[in-house]
């Protein structure tokens, strides 16, 4: 059984707000422009939006790769923008406790993002693409019915999909039907992906994407109804996939296991 693409989302700067798209080019390394940049602290460690850094989710970024031009729009409506320089310092960063080669992106955004984070941060660009799990996690998928399932456990009408920062939403499935696609080839638009495993969840999902504040205990809900299932990662919600055949994907495109 298959479904259709109900949303596409990406974030040019990891940890900032999720941006909604109508179409995207899906490459072997992931969605074009997704997580192209990320933030590091003074020790070159990845900066996420957990805890007091939640307000980073209120900052929007757009990146025109062809220009190239990066715009960072702050929560107060002001913006800093410019051409990302290609001559920044080479760094070895700590990305989820693993070394990742990156390059500094000097420009007007460091000061503004440091103010929002409440600590000094620097913008960097990855040398190997932005997917958290590498090529095996180049794209992520989540069924809309799965959102309905966790909403029922939490006792709320709906749960905002942006909490989970997934690339593709899929309508027309049963709750967590996407889990059964792991190891299979799945056509999504013009592309073909091969899901590799479940996406385990962390405290970021408890935060409201409109406020950056924790207001739903998503982790307790997942532990209650998903915690004892055999999955590749704990507290699973959605799947991550490698890209077998790159291609264009649009909202409304079919999603079909092959």
C-alpha atoms as a PDB file:
ATOM      1  CA  UNK A   1       0.000   0.000   0.000  1.00  0.00           C
ATOM      2  CA  UNK A   2       1.251   3.491  -0.727  1.00  0.00           C
ATOM      3  CA  UNK A   3       0.296   7.092  -0.234  1.00  0.00           C
ATOM      4  CA  UNK A   4       1.190  10.553  -1.456  1.00  0.00           C
ATOM      5  CA  UNK A   5       3.533  13.330  -0.370  1.00  0.00           C
ATOM      6  CA  UNK A   6       1.597  15.666   1.919  1.00  0.00           C
ATOM      7  CA  UNK A   7       4.432  17.976   2.920  1.00  0.00           C
ATOM      8  CA  UNK A   8       8.100  18.609   2.238  1.00  0.00           C
ATOM      9  CA  UNK A   9      10.283  20.345   4.790  1.00  0.00           C
ATOM     10  CA  UNK A  10      13.921  21.287   5.135  1.00  0.00           C
ATOM     11  CA  UNK A  11      16.118  23.634   7.112  1.00  0.00           C
ATOM     12  CA  UNK A  12      19.109  25.268   5.416  1.00  0.00           C
ATOM     13  CA  UNK A  13      20.724  25.878   8.821  1.00  0.00           C
ATOM     14  CA  UNK A  14      20.391  22.913  11.162  1.00  0.00           C
ATOM     15  CA  UNK A  15      18.639  23.835  14.466  1.00  0.00           C
ATOM     16  CA  UNK A  16      16.804  26.813  12.963  1.00  0.00           C
ATOM     17  CA  UNK A  17      13.140  26.814  11.903  1.00  0.00           C
ATOM     18  CA  UNK A  18      11.786  24.139   9.577  1.00  0.00           C
ATOM     19  CA  UNK A  19      10.856  25.562   6.170  1.00  0.00           C
ATOM     20  CA  UNK A  20       7.930  24.189   4.156  1.00  0.00           C
ATOM     21  CA  UNK A  21       8.503  23.518   0.442  1.00  0.00           C
ATOM     22  CA  UNK A  22       6.262  22.558  -2.469  1.00  0.00           C
ATOM     23  CA  UNK A  23       8.979  20.696  -4.373  1.00  0.00           C
ATOM     24  CA  UNK A  24      12.599  19.690  -3.976  1.00  0.00           C
ATOM     25  CA  UNK A  25      15.448  17.911  -5.691  1.00  0.00           C
ATOM     26  CA  UNK A  26      16.363  14.766  -3.773  1.00  0.00           C
ATOM     27  CA  UNK A  27      20.054  13.933  -4.181  1.00  0.00           C
ATOM     28  CA  UNK A  28      22.138  11.032  -2.868  1.00  0.00           C
ATOM     29  CA  UNK A  29      23.352  13.287  -0.056  1.00  0.00           C
ATOM     30  CA  UNK A  30      19.808  14.438   0.799  1.00  0.00           C
ATOM     31  CA  UNK A  31      17.443  17.249  -0.104  1.00  0.00           C
ATOM     32  CA  UNK A  32      19.199  20.021  -1.980  1.00  0.00           C
ATOM     33  CA  UNK A  33      20.027  22.724   0.558  1.00  0.00           C
ATOM     34  CA  UNK A  34      18.762  20.814   3.611  1.00  0.00           C
ATOM     35  CA  UNK A  35      21.065  21.195   6.637  1.00  0.00           C
ATOM     36  CA  UNK A  36      23.662  22.711   4.328  1.00  0.00           C
ATOM     37  CA  UNK A  37      24.931  24.756   7.277  1.00  0.00           C
ATOM     38  CA  UNK A  38      25.098  24.104  11.002  1.00  0.00           C
ATOM     39  CA  UNK A  39      26.233  25.874  14.158  1.00  0.00           C
ATOM     40  CA  UNK A  40      29.125  25.069  16.465  1.00  0.00           C
ATOM     41  CA  UNK A  41      30.191  26.459  19.815  1.00  0.00           C
ATOM     42  CA  UNK A  42      33.634  27.741  20.764  1.00  0.00           C
ATOM     43  CA  UNK A  43      34.863  24.136  21.132  1.00  0.00           C
ATOM     44  CA  UNK A  44      33.605  23.296  17.614  1.00  0.00           C
ATOM     45  CA  UNK A  45      30.808  21.110  18.974  1.00  0.00           C
ATOM     46  CA  UNK A  46      27.456  20.923  17.188  1.00  0.00           C
ATOM     47  CA  UNK A  47      24.869  23.345  18.599  1.00  0.00           C
ATOM     48  CA  UNK A  48      21.285  22.065  18.628  1.00  0.00           C
ATOM     49  CA  UNK A  49      18.055  23.678  19.785  1.00  0.00           C
ATOM     50  CA  UNK A  50      17.501  21.694  22.980  1.00  0.00           C
ATOM     51  CA  UNK A  51      16.667  23.359  26.294  1.00  0.00           C
ATOM     52  CA  UNK A  52      17.449  27.061  26.542  1.00  0.00           C
ATOM     53  CA  UNK A  53      18.423  27.158  22.866  1.00  0.00           C
ATOM     54  CA  UNK A  54      14.801  26.523  21.884  1.00  0.00           C
ATOM     55  CA  UNK A  55      14.402  30.099  20.545  1.00  0.00           C
ATOM     56  CA  UNK A  56      16.691  29.140  17.650  1.00  0.00           C
ATOM     57  CA  UNK A  57      13.584  27.487  16.186  1.00  0.00           C
ATOM     58  CA  UNK A  58      12.039  30.935  15.750  1.00  0.00           C
ATOM     59  CA  UNK A  59      14.756  31.987  13.279  1.00  0.00           C
ATOM     60  CA  UNK A  60      14.185  31.275   9.586  1.00  0.00           C
ATOM     61  CA  UNK A  61      16.875  30.831   6.962  1.00  0.00           C
ATOM     62  CA  UNK A  62      16.770  30.673   3.184  1.00  0.00           C
ATOM     63  CA  UNK A  63      19.681  29.720   0.974  1.00  0.00           C
ATOM     64  CA  UNK A  64      19.952  30.296  -2.757  1.00  0.00           C
ATOM     65  CA  UNK A  65      22.664  27.824  -3.720  1.00  0.00           C
ATOM     66  CA  UNK A  66      23.080  29.192  -7.232  1.00  0.00           C
ATOM     67  CA  UNK A  67      23.584  32.854  -6.238  1.00  0.00           C
ATOM     68  CA  UNK A  68      24.884  31.929  -3.595  1.00  0.00           C
ATOM     69  CA  UNK A  69      23.018  33.989  -0.973  1.00  0.00           C
ATOM     70  CA  UNK A  70      22.087  33.222   2.635  1.00  0.00           C
ATOM     71  CA  UNK A  71      19.349  35.123   4.471  1.00  0.00           C
ATOM     72  CA  UNK A  72      18.755  34.638   8.197  1.00  0.00           C
ATOM     73  CA  UNK A  73      15.503  36.214   9.410  1.00  0.00           C
ATOM     74  CA  UNK A  74      15.370  36.756  13.167  1.00  0.00           C
ATOM     75  CA  UNK A  75      12.365  36.404  15.454  1.00  0.00           C
ATOM     76  CA  UNK A  76      11.919  40.199  15.608  1.00  0.00           C
ATOM     77  CA  UNK A  77      11.551  40.374  11.828  1.00  0.00           C
ATOM     78  CA  UNK A  78      15.001  41.801  11.113  1.00  0.00           C
ATOM     79  CA  UNK A  79      17.351  39.962   8.792  1.00  0.00           C
ATOM     80  CA  UNK A  80      21.046  39.472   8.192  1.00  0.00           C
ATOM     81  CA  UNK A  81      22.128  38.289   4.787  1.00  0.00           C
ATOM     82  CA  UNK A  82      25.048  37.967   2.455  1.00  0.00           C
ATOM     83  CA  UNK A  83      27.110  35.751   0.226  1.00  0.00           C
ATOM     84  CA  UNK A  84      28.622  32.836   2.165  1.00  0.00           C
ATOM     85  CA  UNK A  85      32.377  33.159   1.719  1.00  0.00           C
ATOM     86  CA  UNK A  86      34.259  30.151   0.327  1.00  0.00           C
ATOM     87  CA  UNK A  87      37.551  30.893   2.078  1.00  0.00           C
ATOM     88  CA  UNK A  88      36.691  30.239   5.713  1.00  0.00           C
ATOM     89  CA  UNK A  89      38.866  28.349   8.177  1.00  0.00           C
ATOM     90  CA  UNK A  90      38.868  24.555   7.893  1.00  0.00           C
ATOM     91  CA  UNK A  91      37.637  22.828  11.060  1.00  0.00           C
ATOM     92  CA  UNK A  92      37.097  19.374  12.482  1.00  0.00           C
ATOM     93  CA  UNK A  93      33.806  19.629  14.345  1.00  0.00           C
ATOM     94  CA  UNK A  94      32.138  17.270  16.797  1.00  0.00           C
ATOM     95  CA  UNK A  95      28.846  16.290  15.127  1.00  0.00           C
ATOM     96  CA  UNK A  96      26.776  14.032  17.381  1.00  0.00           C
ATOM     97  CA  UNK A  97      30.086  13.007  18.997  1.00  0.00           C
ATOM     98  CA  UNK A  98      31.660  12.085  15.672  1.00  0.00           C
ATOM     99  CA  UNK A  99      34.273  14.105  13.799  1.00  0.00           C
ATOM    100  CA  UNK A 100      33.000  15.969  10.750  1.00  0.00           C
ATOM    101  CA  UNK A 101      35.042  18.142   8.411  1.00  0.00           C
ATOM    102  CA  UNK A 102      33.614  21.626   7.990  1.00  0.00           C
ATOM    103  CA  UNK A 103      34.531  25.161   7.019  1.00  0.00           C
ATOM    104  CA  UNK A 104      33.755  28.431   8.769  1.00  0.00           C
ATOM    105  CA  UNK A 105      31.305  30.698   6.996  1.00  0.00           C
ATOM    106  CA  UNK A 106      32.287  34.199   8.078  1.00  0.00           C
ATOM    107  CA  UNK A 107      29.578  36.813   7.748  1.00  0.00           C
ATOM    108  CA  UNK A 108      27.030  38.911   9.635  1.00  0.00           C
ATOM    109  CA  UNK A 109      25.093  35.950  11.016  1.00  0.00           C
ATOM    110  CA  UNK A 110      27.409  34.836  13.852  1.00  0.00           C
ATOM    111  CA  UNK A 111      26.620  37.761  16.151  1.00  0.00           C
ATOM    112  CA  UNK A 112      22.872  37.566  15.550  1.00  0.00           C
ATOM    113  CA  UNK A 113      22.738  33.805  16.076  1.00  0.00           C
ATOM    114  CA  UNK A 114      24.947  34.051  19.176  1.00  0.00           C
ATOM    115  CA  UNK A 115      22.495  36.516  20.725  1.00  0.00           C
ATOM    116  CA  UNK A 116      19.606  34.123  20.033  1.00  0.00           C
ATOM    117  CA  UNK A 117      21.463  31.089  21.370  1.00  0.00           C
ATOM    118  CA  UNK A 118      22.636  32.893  24.494  1.00  0.00           C
ATOM    119  CA  UNK A 119      26.243  31.864  23.846  1.00  0.00           C
ATOM    120  CA  UNK A 120      28.892  32.359  21.169  1.00  0.00           C
ATOM    121  CA  UNK A 121      28.157  30.238  18.090  1.00  0.00           C
ATOM    122  CA  UNK A 122      29.651  30.124  14.612  1.00  0.00           C
ATOM    123  CA  UNK A 123      28.147  29.155  11.283  1.00  0.00           C
ATOM    124  CA  UNK A 124      29.895  26.358   9.387  1.00  0.00           C
ATOM    125  CA  UNK A 125      29.264  24.367   6.222  1.00  0.00           C
ATOM    126  CA  UNK A 126      29.740  20.600   6.083  1.00  0.00           C
ATOM    127  CA  UNK A 127      32.118  19.024   3.601  1.00  0.00           C
ATOM    128  CA  UNK A 128      29.992  15.871   3.310  1.00  0.00           C
ATOM    129  CA  UNK A 129      26.360  16.989   3.252  1.00  0.00           C
ATOM    130  CA  UNK A 130      24.093  17.701   6.166  1.00  0.00           C
ATOM    131  CA  UNK A 131      22.190  14.475   6.876  1.00  0.00           C
ATOM    132  CA  UNK A 132      22.635  13.439  10.524  1.00  0.00           C
ATOM    133  CA  UNK A 133      23.069   9.755   9.625  1.00  0.00           C
ATOM    134  CA  UNK A 134      25.109  10.260   6.476  1.00  0.00           C
ATOM    135  CA  UNK A 135      23.964   8.755   3.175  1.00  0.00           C
ATOM    136  CA  UNK A 136      21.882   6.162   5.034  1.00  0.00           C
ATOM    137  CA  UNK A 137      19.755   8.953   6.459  1.00  0.00           C
ATOM    138  CA  UNK A 138      19.687  11.249   3.449  1.00  0.00           C
ATOM    139  CA  UNK A 139      15.888  11.561   3.637  1.00  0.00           C
ATOM    140  CA  UNK A 140      13.310  11.035   6.368  1.00  0.00           C
ATOM    141  CA  UNK A 141       9.652  10.061   6.041  1.00  0.00           C
ATOM    142  CA  UNK A 142       6.685  10.145   8.414  1.00  0.00           C
ATOM    143  CA  UNK A 143       3.089   9.054   7.862  1.00  0.00           C
ATOM    144  CA  UNK A 144       0.419  11.583   8.771  1.00  0.00           C
ATOM    145  CA  UNK A 145      -1.526   8.813  10.511  1.00  0.00           C
ATOM    146  CA  UNK A 146       1.428   8.369  12.869  1.00  0.00           C
ATOM    147  CA  UNK A 147       0.953  11.984  13.955  1.00  0.00           C
ATOM    148  CA  UNK A 148      -2.677  11.151  14.644  1.00  0.00           C
ATOM    149  CA  UNK A 149      -1.650   8.156  16.739  1.00  0.00           C
ATOM    150  CA  UNK A 150       0.643  10.116  19.027  1.00  0.00           C
ATOM    151  CA  UNK A 151      -1.940  12.905  19.296  1.00  0.00           C
ATOM    152  CA  UNK A 152      -4.402  10.328  20.625  1.00  0.00           C
ATOM    153  CA  UNK A 153      -1.918   9.129  23.256  1.00  0.00           C
ATOM    154  CA  UNK A 154      -1.199  12.714  24.297  1.00  0.00           C
ATOM    155  CA  UNK A 155      -4.911  13.584  24.419  1.00  0.00           C
ATOM    156  CA  UNK A 156      -4.662  16.520  21.996  1.00  0.00           C
ATOM    157  CA  UNK A 157      -6.438  17.243  18.721  1.00  0.00           C
ATOM    158  CA  UNK A 158      -3.279  17.354  16.619  1.00  0.00           C
ATOM    159  CA  UNK A 159       0.518  17.380  16.839  1.00  0.00           C
ATOM    160  CA  UNK A 160       2.459  19.789  14.631  1.00  0.00           C
ATOM    161  CA  UNK A 161       4.636  17.809  12.205  1.00  0.00           C
ATOM    162  CA  UNK A 162       7.414  20.406  12.527  1.00  0.00           C
ATOM    163  CA  UNK A 163       8.243  19.072  15.993  1.00  0.00           C
ATOM    164  CA  UNK A 164       9.783  16.019  14.330  1.00  0.00           C
ATOM    165  CA  UNK A 165      11.720  17.895  11.613  1.00  0.00           C
ATOM    166  CA  UNK A 166      11.040  15.250   8.954  1.00  0.00           C
ATOM    167  CA  UNK A 167      11.622  15.791   5.237  1.00  0.00           C
ATOM    168  CA  UNK A 168       8.539  14.122   3.789  1.00  0.00           C
ATOM    169  CA  UNK A 169       5.048  13.622   5.159  1.00  0.00           C
ATOM    170  CA  UNK A 170       3.019  10.786   3.640  1.00  0.00           C
ATOM    171  CA  UNK A 171      -0.784  10.793   3.574  1.00  0.00           C
ATOM    172  CA  UNK A 172      -2.898   7.701   2.961  1.00  0.00           C
ATOM    173  CA  UNK A 173      -1.127   5.234   5.279  1.00  0.00           C
ATOM    174  CA  UNK A 174      -2.133   3.438   8.449  1.00  0.00           C
ATOM    175  CA  UNK A 175      -0.437   4.616  11.644  1.00  0.00           C
ATOM    176  CA  UNK A 176       3.273   3.677  11.508  1.00  0.00           C
ATOM    177  CA  UNK A 177       2.810   1.757   8.277  1.00  0.00           C
ATOM    178  CA  UNK A 178       6.027   3.389   7.085  1.00  0.00           C
ATOM    179  CA  UNK A 179       7.969   1.180   9.541  1.00  0.00           C
ATOM    180  CA  UNK A 180       7.236  -1.826   7.294  1.00  0.00           C
ATOM    181  CA  UNK A 181       9.160  -0.163   4.446  1.00  0.00           C
ATOM    182  CA  UNK A 182      12.554  -0.592   6.121  1.00  0.00           C
ATOM    183  CA  UNK A 183      14.800  -2.514   3.731  1.00  0.00           C
ATOM    184  CA  UNK A 184      12.445  -2.086   0.751  1.00  0.00           C
ATOM    185  CA  UNK A 185      12.736   0.196  -2.261  1.00  0.00           C
ATOM    186  CA  UNK A 186      10.170   2.997  -2.155  1.00  0.00           C
ATOM    187  CA  UNK A 187       9.387   5.351  -5.016  1.00  0.00           C
ATOM    188  CA  UNK A 188       8.712   8.924  -3.939  1.00  0.00           C
ATOM    189  CA  UNK A 189       7.985  11.229  -6.840  1.00  0.00           C
ATOM    190  CA  UNK A 190      10.753  10.754  -9.402  1.00  0.00           C
ATOM    191  CA  UNK A 191      13.187   9.386  -6.781  1.00  0.00           C
ATOM    192  CA  UNK A 192      13.657   5.973  -5.181  1.00  0.00           C
ATOM    193  CA  UNK A 193      14.723   5.588  -1.551  1.00  0.00           C
ATOM    194  CA  UNK A 194      15.571   2.578   0.614  1.00  0.00           C
ATOM    195  CA  UNK A 195      14.575   3.067   4.268  1.00  0.00           C
ATOM    196  CA  UNK A 196      17.383   1.961   6.590  1.00  0.00           C
ATOM    197  CA  UNK A 197      15.852   2.267  10.032  1.00  0.00           C
ATOM    198  CA  UNK A 198      13.702   4.106  12.552  1.00  0.00           C
ATOM    199  CA  UNK A 199      14.316   7.660  13.689  1.00  0.00           C
ATOM    200  CA  UNK A 200      14.772   7.703  17.470  1.00  0.00           C
ATOM    201  CA  UNK A 201      13.484  10.796  19.242  1.00  0.00           C
ATOM    202  CA  UNK A 202      14.933  13.307  21.694  1.00  0.00           C
ATOM    203  CA  UNK A 203      13.751  16.241  23.790  1.00  0.00           C
ATOM    204  CA  UNK A 204      13.571  18.629  20.815  1.00  0.00           C
ATOM    205  CA  UNK A 205      10.225  17.042  19.912  1.00  0.00           C
ATOM    206  CA  UNK A 206       8.728  18.305  23.181  1.00  0.00           C
ATOM    207  CA  UNK A 207       9.216  21.909  22.016  1.00  0.00           C
ATOM    208  CA  UNK A 208       6.522  23.950  20.314  1.00  0.00           C
ATOM    209  CA  UNK A 209       7.951  25.132  16.961  1.00  0.00           C
ATOM    210  CA  UNK A 210       6.066  28.423  17.331  1.00  0.00           C
ATOM    211  CA  UNK A 211       7.552  29.285  20.727  1.00  0.00           C
ATOM    212  CA  UNK A 212      10.614  27.084  21.233  1.00  0.00           C
ATOM    213  CA  UNK A 213       9.234  26.058  24.642  1.00  0.00           C
ATOM    214  CA  UNK A 214       8.556  22.504  25.817  1.00  0.00           C
ATOM    215  CA  UNK A 215       4.804  21.970  26.085  1.00  0.00           C
ATOM    216  CA  UNK A 216       4.102  18.336  25.083  1.00  0.00           C
ATOM    217  CA  UNK A 217       5.681  15.237  26.622  1.00  0.00           C
ATOM    218  CA  UNK A 218       6.202  13.448  23.320  1.00  0.00           C
ATOM    219  CA  UNK A 219       8.917  11.211  24.776  1.00  0.00           C
ATOM    220  CA  UNK A 220       6.640   9.876  27.515  1.00  0.00           C
ATOM    221  CA  UNK A 221       3.956   9.220  24.916  1.00  0.00           C
ATOM    222  CA  UNK A 222       6.380   7.353  22.657  1.00  0.00           C
ATOM    223  CA  UNK A 223       7.647   5.295  25.586  1.00  0.00           C
ATOM    224  CA  UNK A 224       4.064   4.424  26.505  1.00  0.00           C
ATOM    225  CA  UNK A 225       2.955   3.045  23.150  1.00  0.00           C
ATOM    226  CA  UNK A 226       6.157   2.487  21.139  1.00  0.00           C
ATOM    227  CA  UNK A 227       8.805   1.840  23.779  1.00  0.00           C
ATOM    228  CA  UNK A 228       8.715  -1.962  23.745  1.00  0.00           C
ATOM    229  CA  UNK A 229       8.730  -2.464  19.975  1.00  0.00           C
ATOM    230  CA  UNK A 230      11.762  -3.895  18.221  1.00  0.00           C
ATOM    231  CA  UNK A 231      13.217  -0.938  16.344  1.00  0.00           C
ATOM    232  CA  UNK A 232      16.622   0.267  15.191  1.00  0.00           C
ATOM    233  CA  UNK A 233      16.578   3.261  17.566  1.00  0.00           C
ATOM    234  CA  UNK A 234      14.729   3.878  20.849  1.00  0.00           C
ATOM    235  CA  UNK A 235      11.533   5.965  20.971  1.00  0.00           C
ATOM    236  CA  UNK A 236      10.970   5.520  17.229  1.00  0.00           C
ATOM    237  CA  UNK A 237       8.856   7.880  15.158  1.00  0.00           C
ATOM    238  CA  UNK A 238       9.315   7.881  11.381  1.00  0.00           C
ATOM    239  CA  UNK A 239      12.066   6.358   9.247  1.00  0.00           C
ATOM    240  CA  UNK A 240      15.320   7.423   7.612  1.00  0.00           C
ATOM    241  CA  UNK A 241      16.359   6.340   4.142  1.00  0.00           C
ATOM    242  CA  UNK A 242      19.209   6.186   1.658  1.00  0.00           C
ATOM    243  CA  UNK A 243      18.604   7.550  -1.833  1.00  0.00           C
ATOM    244  CA  UNK A 244      18.954   4.839  -4.496  1.00  0.00           C
ATOM    245  CA  UNK A 245      17.792   7.001  -7.418  1.00  0.00           C
ATOM    246  CA  UNK A 246      17.880  10.804  -7.150  1.00  0.00           C
ATOM    247  CA  UNK A 247      14.964  12.755  -8.582  1.00  0.00           C
ATOM    248  CA  UNK A 248      12.481  15.560  -8.181  1.00  0.00           C
ATOM    249  CA  UNK A 249       9.749  15.299  -5.533  1.00  0.00           C
ATOM    250  CA  UNK A 250       6.621  17.467  -5.332  1.00  0.00           C
ATOM    251  CA  UNK A 251       3.775  17.730  -2.831  1.00  0.00           C
ATOM    252  CA  UNK A 252       1.036  15.398  -4.093  1.00  0.00           C
ATOM    253  CA  UNK A 253       3.453  12.935  -5.726  1.00  0.00           C
ATOM    254  CA  UNK A 254       2.807   9.216  -5.147  1.00  0.00           C
ATOM    255  CA  UNK A 255       4.802   7.280  -2.527  1.00  0.00           C
ATOM    256  CA  UNK A 256       4.802   3.581  -3.361  1.00  0.00           C
ATOM    257  CA  UNK A 257       6.784   0.574  -2.063  1.00  0.00           C
ATOM    258  CA  UNK A 258       8.236  -1.347  -5.017  1.00  0.00           C
END
